[in-house]
Amino acid sequence: MPIRTNRGRAAVYRRLWGWPLRSPRHLVASIIIFVLLVIALGVIIPRVLDRKPADPSAAGQPSTSAQGTQVGQLPGSGASLPTKVPPPSNSAKAAPPPADAGLIAELWAETWIKPPPDNDVNKWLKQLEDYTTPEFLAQMATIDPRNVPDKITGKVTAVKSTTSSIDYAIPTDQGKVQITLVKAPDGSWRVTSYTKVD
């Protein structure tokens, strides 16, 4: 009776794995067999998975709700065509600017042009925090307070006003600046952006 050892099994495995490397012909044949096997599995597996019903209780019963909803197919008799939902309207209605929004615009402008004596950005942003959205405060952290205008040269006036946002023009010694205020969820108005206007 022959004695089976691990050395004998290792030799068999070595011969199997080493067969493709014995000659270029063996290597090409191994690659072709591997590619054919991958292609065959790629074709067979999706077909097998598609045949499997999603709901075992519904197997063998045609789905009437799915018919007619596929692209290129008309709905069956008695079914109505789905109606297209109109896109949400992003345009807010024009409205006169409320007095509290104008007050916030003036307070923001006066605080904006008066940074702390040491030009500390954090102190400056802390002063503007009550009048500015958190997102815009994060953007303003990159601004050097020394670059802001020194004084306001005229009246802060509303340029464009809707129910949810208002644009105000602020004349300064360095030119006109336009700020945008938006209505926060709590009903207060906050500055969300500013741009220099020529």
Protein backbone atom coordinates (compact mmCIF):
# COMPACT_ATOMS: atom_id res chain seq x y z
CA MET A 1 0.00 0.00 0.00
CA PRO A 2 1.54 3.38 -1.03
CA ILE A 3 2.20 6.00 1.62
CA ARG A 4 0.56 9.35 0.80
CA THR A 5 2.72 12.27 1.88
CA ASN A 6 2.41 16.03 1.53
CA ARG A 7 5.49 15.95 -0.66
CA GLY A 8 3.60 13.87 -3.22
CA ARG A 9 0.63 16.24 -3.26
CA ALA A 10 2.90 19.26 -3.55
CA ALA A 11 4.57 17.68 -6.56
CA VAL A 12 1.16 17.18 -8.24
CA TYR A 13 0.11 20.76 -7.52
CA ARG A 14 3.48 22.01 -8.78
CA ARG A 15 3.00 20.14 -12.05
CA LEU A 16 -0.52 21.58 -12.52
CA TRP A 17 0.48 25.20 -11.82
CA GLY A 18 3.74 24.85 -13.74
CA TRP A 19 2.09 23.46 -16.90
CA PRO A 20 1.37 26.91 -18.48
CA LEU A 21 4.98 27.94 -17.97
CA ARG A 22 6.55 24.94 -19.68
CA SER A 23 6.38 26.45 -23.16
CA PRO A 24 4.95 29.48 -24.97
CA ARG A 25 2.32 27.24 -26.58
CA HIS A 26 1.08 26.10 -23.15
CA LEU A 27 0.97 29.72 -21.93
CA VAL A 28 -1.11 30.90 -24.94
CA ALA A 29 -3.46 27.95 -24.56
CA SER A 30 -3.89 28.73 -20.84
CA ILE A 31 -4.69 32.39 -21.55
CA ILE A 32 -7.25 31.46 -24.25
CA ILE A 33 -8.95 28.96 -21.94
CA PHE A 34 -9.06 31.52 -19.12
CA VAL A 35 -10.55 34.24 -21.38
CA LEU A 36 -13.19 31.85 -22.75
CA LEU A 37 -14.09 30.80 -19.22
CA VAL A 38 -14.49 34.44 -18.08
CA ILE A 39 -16.66 35.29 -21.13
CA ALA A 40 -18.82 32.22 -20.62
CA LEU A 41 -19.36 33.10 -16.95
CA GLY A 42 -20.12 36.71 -17.91
CA VAL A 43 -22.88 35.53 -20.25
CA ILE A 44 -24.34 32.71 -18.17
CA ILE A 45 -24.46 34.34 -14.72
CA PRO A 46 -26.65 37.34 -15.73
CA ARG A 47 -29.10 35.02 -17.51
CA VAL A 48 -29.39 32.79 -14.46
CA LEU A 49 -29.91 35.80 -12.18
CA ASP A 50 -32.59 37.29 -14.49
CA ARG A 51 -34.66 34.10 -14.42
CA LYS A 52 -34.86 34.17 -10.64
CA PRO A 53 -38.16 35.81 -9.56
CA ALA A 54 -37.84 38.64 -7.06
CA ASP A 55 -41.00 37.57 -5.18
CA PRO A 56 -41.61 33.81 -4.90
CA SER A 57 -45.37 34.30 -4.41
CA ALA A 58 -45.56 36.31 -7.63
CA ALA A 59 -43.74 33.70 -9.72
CA GLY A 60 -45.77 32.70 -12.76
CA GLN A 61 -48.09 35.71 -12.50
CA PRO A 62 -47.53 38.47 -15.04
CA SER A 63 -47.05 41.90 -13.50
CA THR A 64 -49.72 44.23 -14.81
CA SER A 65 -48.44 47.26 -12.92
CA ALA A 66 -45.01 47.12 -14.59
CA GLN A 67 -46.50 46.87 -18.08
CA GLY A 68 -46.78 50.16 -19.86
CA THR A 69 -44.35 51.98 -17.59
CA GLN A 70 -41.26 50.93 -19.49
CA VAL A 71 -39.70 53.32 -21.95
CA GLY A 72 -41.07 52.86 -25.46
CA GLN A 73 -44.22 51.01 -24.37
CA LEU A 74 -47.73 52.40 -24.22
CA PRO A 75 -49.82 51.67 -21.16
CA GLY A 76 -52.37 48.89 -21.41
CA SER A 77 -56.04 49.55 -22.00
CA GLY A 78 -57.78 51.40 -19.20
CA ALA A 79 -54.53 52.85 -17.83
CA SER A 80 -53.99 56.59 -17.92
CA LEU A 81 -50.76 58.21 -18.98
CA PRO A 82 -48.73 59.59 -16.09
CA THR A 83 -48.82 63.37 -15.83
CA LYS A 84 -45.57 65.29 -15.70
CA VAL A 85 -45.02 67.13 -12.44
CA PRO A 86 -44.07 70.76 -13.10
CA PRO A 87 -40.61 71.75 -11.86
CA PRO A 88 -40.54 73.71 -8.61
CA SER A 89 -40.53 77.44 -9.10
CA ASN A 90 -37.28 79.03 -7.95
CA SER A 91 -38.34 82.58 -8.76
CA ALA A 92 -39.55 84.43 -5.70
CA LYS A 93 -42.21 87.11 -6.01
CA ALA A 94 -41.13 90.73 -6.03
CA ALA A 95 -41.94 92.52 -2.81
CA PRO A 96 -41.05 95.84 -1.18
CA PRO A 97 -38.04 95.58 1.14
CA PRO A 98 -39.06 95.36 4.80
CA ALA A 99 -37.67 97.91 7.23
CA ASP A 100 -35.88 95.31 9.36
CA ALA A 101 -33.90 94.09 6.33
CA GLY A 102 -32.79 97.66 5.58
CA LEU A 103 -31.70 98.10 9.19
CA ILE A 104 -29.63 94.87 9.05
CA ALA A 105 -28.01 96.05 5.80
CA GLU A 106 -27.03 99.39 7.39
CA LEU A 107 -25.73 97.76 10.59
CA TRP A 108 -23.72 95.22 8.60
CA ALA A 109 -22.19 97.94 6.40
CA GLU A 110 -21.22 100.09 9.41
CA THR A 111 -19.70 97.10 11.22
CA TRP A 112 -17.98 95.84 8.08
CA ILE A 113 -16.02 99.08 7.49
CA LYS A 114 -14.90 99.26 11.15
CA PRO A 115 -12.53 96.36 11.85
CA PRO A 116 -10.84 96.18 15.27
CA PRO A 117 -7.75 98.43 15.76
CA ASP A 118 -5.42 95.42 15.60
CA ASN A 119 -7.18 94.13 12.40
CA ASP A 120 -7.80 90.76 14.03
CA VAL A 121 -9.96 88.77 11.58
CA ASN A 122 -11.61 86.70 14.31
CA LYS A 123 -12.72 89.79 16.26
CA TRP A 124 -13.98 91.41 13.05
CA LEU A 125 -16.00 88.31 12.12
CA LYS A 126 -17.38 88.13 15.68
CA GLN A 127 -18.72 91.67 15.24
CA LEU A 128 -20.40 90.68 11.95
CA GLU A 129 -21.80 87.39 13.28
CA ASP A 130 -25.24 88.77 14.19
CA TYR A 131 -25.81 90.11 10.66
CA THR A 132 -24.15 87.42 8.49
CA THR A 133 -24.94 83.82 7.53
CA PRO A 134 -22.49 81.21 8.93
CA GLU A 135 -21.54 80.11 5.40
CA PHE A 136 -20.60 83.63 4.37
CA LEU A 137 -18.68 84.19 7.61
CA ALA A 138 -16.52 81.19 6.70
CA GLN A 139 -15.78 82.80 3.31
CA MET A 140 -14.99 86.15 4.91
CA ALA A 141 -12.33 84.53 7.08
CA THR A 142 -9.98 84.82 4.08
CA ILE A 143 -10.44 88.62 3.78
CA ASP A 144 -7.89 91.02 5.23
CA PRO A 145 -9.82 93.70 7.20
CA ARG A 146 -7.25 96.31 6.08
CA ASN A 147 -8.62 96.01 2.51
CA VAL A 148 -12.18 97.07 3.34
CA PRO A 149 -13.32 100.69 2.70
CA ASP A 150 -12.85 103.34 5.40
CA LYS A 151 -16.24 105.03 5.21
CA ILE A 152 -19.71 104.95 3.69
CA THR A 153 -20.25 107.95 1.42
CA GLY A 154 -24.02 107.73 0.88
CA LYS A 155 -27.29 106.07 1.78
CA VAL A 156 -27.71 102.26 1.75
CA THR A 157 -30.47 101.65 -0.83
CA ALA A 158 -32.39 98.57 -1.96
CA VAL A 159 -31.68 97.61 -5.59
CA LYS A 160 -33.74 94.44 -6.00
CA SER A 161 -36.22 92.95 -3.57
CA THR A 162 -38.13 89.66 -3.40
CA THR A 163 -39.91 87.84 -0.60
CA SER A 164 -36.78 85.78 0.20
CA SER A 165 -33.79 87.98 -0.76
CA ILE A 166 -32.87 91.64 -1.12
CA ASP A 167 -29.91 93.33 -2.81
CA TYR A 168 -28.62 96.59 -1.30
CA ALA A 169 -26.14 99.08 -2.79
CA ILE A 170 -23.63 100.66 -0.40
CA PRO A 171 -21.59 103.62 -1.69
CA THR A 172 -18.11 103.72 -0.12
CA ASP A 173 -14.90 105.72 -0.55
CA GLN A 174 -13.54 102.79 -2.63
CA GLY A 175 -16.58 102.45 -4.88
CA LYS A 176 -20.02 100.93 -4.68
CA VAL A 177 -20.56 97.56 -2.98
CA GLN A 178 -23.64 95.41 -3.38
CA ILE A 179 -24.71 93.06 -0.60
CA THR A 180 -27.37 90.35 -0.69
CA LEU A 181 -29.57 89.57 2.29
CA VAL A 182 -31.57 86.35 2.62
CA LYS A 183 -34.38 85.49 4.98
CA ALA A 184 -33.27 82.94 7.60
CA PRO A 185 -35.63 80.18 8.83
CA ASP A 186 -36.25 82.16 12.02
CA GLY A 187 -37.51 85.14 9.96
CA SER A 188 -34.44 87.34 10.44
CA TRP A 189 -32.43 88.80 7.55
CA ARG A 190 -28.74 87.94 7.12
CA VAL A 191 -26.06 89.04 4.64
CA THR A 192 -25.04 86.13 2.44
CA SER A 193 -22.67 87.81 -0.06
CA TYR A 194 -21.16 91.09 -1.23
CA THR A 195 -19.56 92.19 -4.48
CA LYS A 196 -17.89 95.34 -5.73
CA VAL A 197 -19.96 97.14 -8.37
CA ASP A 198 -18.33 99.40 -10.95
